[in-house]
Amino acid sequence: MHITPFDNDNKAIIDADNTHVPLTYFNIVKLSKGKRFSYRVSGYETCIVPATGSVSIVTDGEAFDSIGNRGSDVWDGEPEGCYIPSGAEAEMTCTSDTAEVFVAGAKFDETLKPFAVRRDEIDLVQYGSDDTKTHRKIKHILGQKQAGKVGRLLVSELFTVGAGGWSGFPPHKHDSERLPDETRHDEVYNFRFKPDHGFGMQLLEPSDGGIGEAFHIVDGSTFVINSGYHPCVAAPGYEMYYFTILGGLAQRPLVQYFHPAYAWQVETIPGIKDMIAKFK
């Protein structure tokens, strides 16, 4: 489902127990210097990630100063984040002139400890190639490095490398709990483009292999995925970014099932097996 950009007034875009993706939560919060925003999501662990700007955070009796260091856009510096335990209240205060903040969440009932993820703790993966039109960089904020500290939530930033190209390829899905071949993970994307008038296409092919749909995605588009194969592509001349939230039904590690017609390219796209291994 494609949600076109709109002013959400700091209210959840994907709220708890969403009809399409009940395992995930997503909000965008916009603040000016000194302004505060508080939230609590019962039954969901969350992660605060400034897209731009910086915030200080208080949660569960702990304080985390100056989370975030980016300037004008998501290409301007490295991401940082703060893990918020399930059901805990979190208050963020803007410490830069302005801040745009992503709040990612996954359904999880246990209560863990909050922690910050600083820029030098991000797990960076780069794979693909210009020749295969799949050159991509992934910055894991809550990824393999945070295993054991997080319940069901995976949070990453994905960038196409160069102007144009495919992402999420070969086509894959994760809509069924059938280990060892696949896990059920609901997923939410928020897209950005550079320059910001760029665009791309998000494809969604039914799990049974029937004819799918193509969605015109623009800067600020949100896309929710509860089933089906879902590659996307950036138009020539534009860089594409998408903030990625994955919430697992029964476990945190993601097991992708690649479309049988295209799975052979797992063996030909440089570095893709390393990429797959990082979604843990």
Protein backbone atom coordinates (compact mmCIF):
# COMPACT_ATOMS: atom_id res chain seq x y z
CA MET A 1 0.00 0.00 0.00
CA HIS A 2 1.34 3.42 -1.02
CA ILE A 3 0.78 6.38 1.33
CA THR A 4 1.49 9.61 -0.53
CA PRO A 5 3.37 12.38 1.31
CA PHE A 6 1.24 14.47 3.67
CA ASP A 7 1.60 16.60 6.79
CA ASN A 8 1.02 14.05 9.54
CA ASP A 9 1.21 16.71 12.30
CA ASN A 10 3.50 14.46 14.37
CA LYS A 11 0.84 11.73 14.49
CA ALA A 12 1.65 8.12 13.64
CA ILE A 13 1.57 7.27 9.94
CA ILE A 14 1.46 3.56 10.77
CA ASP A 15 -0.11 3.25 14.22
CA ALA A 16 -0.15 0.27 16.56
CA ASP A 17 -2.19 -2.69 15.27
CA ASN A 18 -2.37 -1.30 11.76
CA THR A 19 -4.69 -3.35 9.54
CA HIS A 20 -2.06 -3.99 6.87
CA VAL A 21 1.14 -4.28 8.91
CA PRO A 22 0.26 -4.92 12.58
CA LEU A 23 3.82 -5.91 13.45
CA THR A 24 5.23 -2.42 12.73
CA TYR A 25 4.86 1.22 13.81
CA PHE A 26 6.02 4.42 12.06
CA ASN A 27 5.88 8.11 12.83
CA ILE A 28 7.61 11.24 11.51
CA VAL A 29 8.10 14.02 14.05
CA LYS A 30 9.12 17.55 13.03
CA LEU A 31 10.44 19.94 15.68
CA SER A 32 12.12 23.32 15.98
CA LYS A 33 14.85 24.16 18.48
CA GLY A 34 13.83 23.64 22.09
CA LYS A 35 10.50 22.00 21.23
CA ARG A 36 9.62 18.68 22.83
CA PHE A 37 7.64 15.63 21.80
CA SER A 38 6.64 12.69 24.00
CA TYR A 39 5.14 9.35 23.06
CA ARG A 40 4.45 5.88 24.40
CA VAL A 41 3.43 2.88 22.25
CA SER A 42 2.05 0.05 24.34
CA GLY A 43 3.27 -3.37 23.20
CA TYR A 44 5.83 -1.97 20.72
CA GLU A 45 9.57 -1.41 21.05
CA THR A 46 10.71 1.65 19.09
CA CYS A 47 13.80 3.36 17.74
CA ILE A 48 14.23 7.11 17.34
CA VAL A 49 16.32 8.06 14.27
CA PRO A 50 16.74 11.71 13.23
CA ALA A 51 16.53 12.02 9.45
CA THR A 52 17.99 15.51 9.88
CA GLY A 53 18.95 17.56 12.89
CA SER A 54 19.61 16.44 16.45
CA VAL A 55 17.52 15.56 19.53
CA SER A 56 18.19 14.73 23.15
CA ILE A 57 16.12 11.86 24.56
CA VAL A 58 14.94 10.84 28.02
CA THR A 59 13.42 7.38 28.48
CA ASP A 60 13.13 4.80 31.24
CA GLY A 61 15.15 6.97 33.63
CA GLU A 62 18.08 7.43 31.23
CA ALA A 63 19.18 10.42 29.14
CA PHE A 64 20.85 10.36 25.74
CA ASP A 65 22.23 13.68 24.49
CA SER A 66 22.52 14.90 20.90
CA ILE A 67 21.29 11.92 18.91
CA GLY A 68 21.71 12.70 15.21
CA ASN A 69 24.24 14.81 13.35
CA ARG A 70 22.93 15.30 9.83
CA GLY A 71 22.35 18.61 8.12
CA SER A 72 20.14 19.31 5.13
CA ASP A 73 19.16 15.76 4.14
CA VAL A 74 19.77 12.04 4.76
CA TRP A 75 22.87 12.11 2.54
CA ASP A 76 24.50 14.72 4.79
CA GLY A 77 26.24 12.58 7.44
CA GLU A 78 25.79 9.25 9.18
CA PRO A 79 22.64 8.15 11.02
CA GLU A 80 22.29 7.71 14.76
CA GLY A 81 19.48 6.25 16.83
CA CYS A 82 18.12 5.47 20.27
CA TYR A 83 16.36 2.25 21.25
CA ILE A 84 13.22 2.71 23.37
CA PRO A 85 11.92 -0.29 25.35
CA SER A 86 8.47 -1.67 24.65
CA GLY A 87 5.77 0.52 26.17
CA ALA A 88 8.23 3.02 27.66
CA GLU A 89 7.59 6.74 27.51
CA ALA A 90 10.16 8.68 25.49
CA GLU A 91 10.60 12.43 25.35
CA MET A 92 12.72 14.04 22.66
CA THR A 93 13.90 17.66 22.65
CA CYS A 94 15.19 19.32 19.50
CA THR A 95 18.76 20.61 20.01
CA SER A 96 19.38 21.82 16.45
CA ASP A 97 17.57 24.62 14.60
CA THR A 98 15.11 22.05 13.25
CA ALA A 99 14.82 18.27 13.22
CA GLU A 100 12.87 15.69 11.27
CA VAL A 101 12.76 12.45 13.25
CA PHE A 102 11.75 8.94 12.26
CA VAL A 103 10.22 6.72 14.93
CA ALA A 104 10.30 3.03 13.98
CA GLY A 105 8.61 0.28 15.94
CA ALA A 106 7.87 -3.43 16.12
CA LYS A 107 5.40 -5.39 18.21
CA PHE A 108 7.20 -6.91 21.20
CA ASP A 109 5.93 -7.55 24.73
CA GLU A 110 9.14 -7.91 26.74
CA THR A 111 10.87 -4.89 28.27
CA LEU A 112 14.57 -4.47 27.47
CA LYS A 113 17.06 -1.68 28.23
CA PRO A 114 17.34 1.59 26.26
CA PHE A 115 20.59 2.41 24.48
CA ALA A 116 22.02 4.80 21.92
CA VAL A 117 23.53 3.86 18.55
CA ARG A 118 26.21 6.36 17.58
CA ARG A 119 27.61 6.93 14.11
CA ASP A 120 30.67 4.72 14.73
CA GLU A 121 28.38 1.83 15.75
CA ILE A 122 26.45 1.72 12.47
CA ASP A 123 26.90 -1.50 10.49
CA LEU A 124 27.67 -0.58 6.87
CA VAL A 125 27.17 -2.97 3.95
CA GLN A 126 27.78 -2.15 0.29
CA TYR A 127 26.98 -4.63 -2.44
CA GLY A 128 25.92 -5.01 -6.04
CA SER A 129 27.55 -3.31 -8.99
CA ASP A 130 26.98 -0.73 -11.68
CA ASP A 131 27.12 -3.52 -14.27
CA THR A 132 24.21 -5.40 -12.64
CA LYS A 133 22.32 -2.13 -11.95
CA THR A 134 22.08 -3.18 -8.28
CA HIS A 135 24.71 -1.01 -6.58
CA ARG A 136 23.45 -0.32 -3.06
CA LYS A 137 24.64 0.79 0.36
CA ILE A 138 22.89 -0.23 3.59
CA LYS A 139 23.40 1.41 6.98
CA HIS A 140 22.05 -0.82 9.76
CA ILE A 141 21.03 1.19 12.82
CA LEU A 142 19.44 -1.76 14.62
CA GLY A 143 21.06 -4.71 12.89
CA GLN A 144 23.38 -7.61 13.60
CA LYS A 145 25.54 -5.56 15.98
CA GLN A 146 22.55 -5.07 18.29
CA ALA A 147 21.53 -8.75 18.42
CA GLY A 148 20.54 -9.70 21.95
CA LYS A 149 19.63 -6.12 22.88
CA VAL A 150 16.48 -5.83 20.71
CA GLY A 151 13.38 -7.99 20.48
CA ARG A 152 11.83 -8.10 16.97
CA LEU A 153 12.84 -4.76 15.40
CA LEU A 154 15.26 -4.24 12.50
CA VAL A 155 15.96 -0.65 11.37
CA SER A 156 18.12 0.29 8.39
CA GLU A 157 18.74 2.99 5.80
CA LEU A 158 19.16 1.91 2.18
CA PHE A 159 20.77 3.99 -0.55
CA THR A 160 21.09 3.40 -4.26
CA VAL A 161 24.68 4.08 -5.27
CA GLY A 162 24.87 6.24 -8.36
CA ALA A 163 22.00 7.81 -10.28
CA GLY A 164 19.30 5.22 -10.92
CA GLY A 165 19.22 1.47 -10.40
CA TRP A 166 17.39 -1.39 -8.72
CA SER A 167 16.99 -2.18 -5.05
CA GLY A 168 15.47 -5.16 -3.26
CA PHE A 169 16.58 -7.33 -6.16
CA PRO A 170 16.26 -10.22 -6.89
CA PRO A 171 12.57 -10.01 -6.01
CA HIS A 172 12.00 -11.50 -2.56
CA LYS A 173 9.27 -11.85 0.02
CA HIS A 174 8.89 -12.54 3.74
CA ASP A 175 5.18 -13.00 4.35
CA SER A 176 5.03 -16.57 5.68
CA GLU A 177 6.43 -18.19 8.81
CA ARG A 178 7.93 -21.38 7.36
CA LEU A 179 11.44 -21.86 8.62
CA PRO A 180 14.07 -22.53 7.43
CA ASP A 181 12.94 -21.06 4.10
CA GLU A 182 11.17 -17.85 5.13
CA THR A 183 10.02 -15.71 8.06
CA ARG A 184 7.01 -13.43 8.47
CA HIS A 185 8.21 -9.83 8.73
CA ASP A 186 5.97 -6.83 8.09
CA GLU A 187 7.85 -3.95 6.45
CA VAL A 188 7.52 -0.18 6.10
CA TYR A 189 9.55 2.14 3.84
CA ASN A 190 9.86 5.92 3.69
CA PHE A 191 11.50 7.18 0.50
CA ARG A 192 13.66 10.22 -0.24
CA PHE A 193 15.24 11.29 -3.53
CA LYS A 194 18.22 13.42 -4.52
CA PRO A 195 17.44 15.85 -6.12
CA ASP A 196 14.14 15.84 -4.24
CA HIS A 197 12.00 16.08 -7.37
CA GLY A 198 13.18 12.58 -8.32
CA PHE A 199 10.98 9.51 -8.42
CA GLY A 200 10.99 5.75 -8.63
CA MET A 201 8.73 2.74 -8.88
CA GLN A 202 7.83 0.25 -6.18
CA LEU A 203 6.69 -3.09 -7.56
CA LEU A 204 4.48 -5.49 -5.64
CA GLU A 205 3.97 -8.97 -7.10
CA PRO A 206 1.54 -11.41 -5.44
CA SER A 207 3.07 -14.34 -3.59
CA ASP A 208 1.45 -16.74 -6.06
CA GLY A 209 3.50 -15.22 -8.89
CA GLY A 210 0.62 -13.46 -10.63
CA ILE A 211 0.84 -10.09 -12.35
CA GLY A 212 1.74 -7.39 -9.86
CA GLU A 213 1.26 -3.64 -9.50
CA ALA A 214 3.64 -0.71 -9.92
CA PHE A 215 3.44 2.37 -7.68
CA HIS A 216 4.83 5.81 -8.47
CA ILE A 217 6.95 6.76 -5.43
CA VAL A 218 8.21 10.29 -4.76
CA ASP A 219 10.16 12.14 -2.06
CA GLY A 220 8.33 11.41 1.21
CA SER A 221 6.33 8.40 -0.01
CA THR A 222 5.60 5.73 2.60
CA PHE A 223 5.07 2.15 1.46
CA VAL A 224 3.77 -0.73 3.59
CA ILE A 225 4.41 -4.38 2.70
CA ASN A 226 2.61 -7.29 4.29
CA SER A 227 2.93 -9.81 1.46
CA GLY A 228 4.40 -10.40 -1.97
CA TYR A 229 7.64 -9.81 -3.83
CA HIS A 230 8.72 -6.16 -3.67
CA PRO A 231 11.71 -4.82 -5.63
CA CYS A 232 11.94 -1.09 -6.39
CA VAL A 233 13.86 1.09 -8.82
CA ALA A 234 15.08 4.68 -8.99
CA ALA A 235 14.73 6.70 -12.19
CA PRO A 236 17.94 7.50 -14.11
CA GLY A 237 19.63 10.65 -12.84
CA TYR A 238 18.39 10.34 -9.24
CA GLU A 239 19.69 8.84 -6.02
CA MET A 240 17.15 7.01 -3.90
CA TYR A 241 17.03 6.44 -0.14
CA TYR A 242 14.56 4.57 1.96
CA PHE A 243 14.21 4.22 5.71
CA THR A 244 13.35 0.59 6.42
CA ILE A 245 11.43 -0.91 9.34
CA LEU A 246 11.06 -4.67 9.73
CA GLY A 247 9.01 -6.29 12.50
CA GLY A 248 9.22 -10.05 12.91
CA LEU A 249 6.31 -12.23 13.97
CA ALA A 250 8.29 -14.92 15.80
CA GLN A 251 11.94 -13.87 15.59
CA ARG A 252 14.16 -10.91 14.77
CA PRO A 253 16.44 -12.47 12.09
CA LEU A 254 14.96 -12.04 8.61
CA VAL A 255 14.84 -14.98 6.21
CA GLN A 256 14.04 -13.77 2.70
CA TYR A 257 12.52 -16.06 0.10
CA PHE A 258 13.71 -15.16 -3.38
CA HIS A 259 11.39 -15.52 -6.35
CA PRO A 260 12.31 -18.88 -7.95
CA ALA A 261 12.49 -17.36 -11.45
CA TYR A 262 15.18 -14.85 -10.40
CA ALA A 263 16.91 -16.49 -7.44
CA TRP A 264 19.87 -17.51 -9.61
CA GLN A 265 21.04 -13.90 -9.47
CA VAL A 266 21.90 -14.32 -5.79
CA GLU A 267 24.97 -16.10 -7.20
CA THR A 268 25.85 -13.33 -9.69
CA ILE A 269 25.27 -10.04 -7.82
CA PRO A 270 28.48 -9.16 -5.96
CA GLY A 271 28.24 -9.17 -2.17
CA ILE A 272 24.56 -10.02 -1.93
CA LYS A 273 25.12 -12.98 0.41
CA ASP A 274 26.91 -10.69 2.85
CA MET A 275 23.93 -8.34 2.66
CA ILE A 276 21.47 -11.16 3.40
CA ALA A 277 23.50 -12.25 6.43
CA LYS A 278 23.32 -8.80 8.07
CA PHE A 279 19.54 -8.75 8.57
CA LYS A 280 19.84 -10.51 11.93
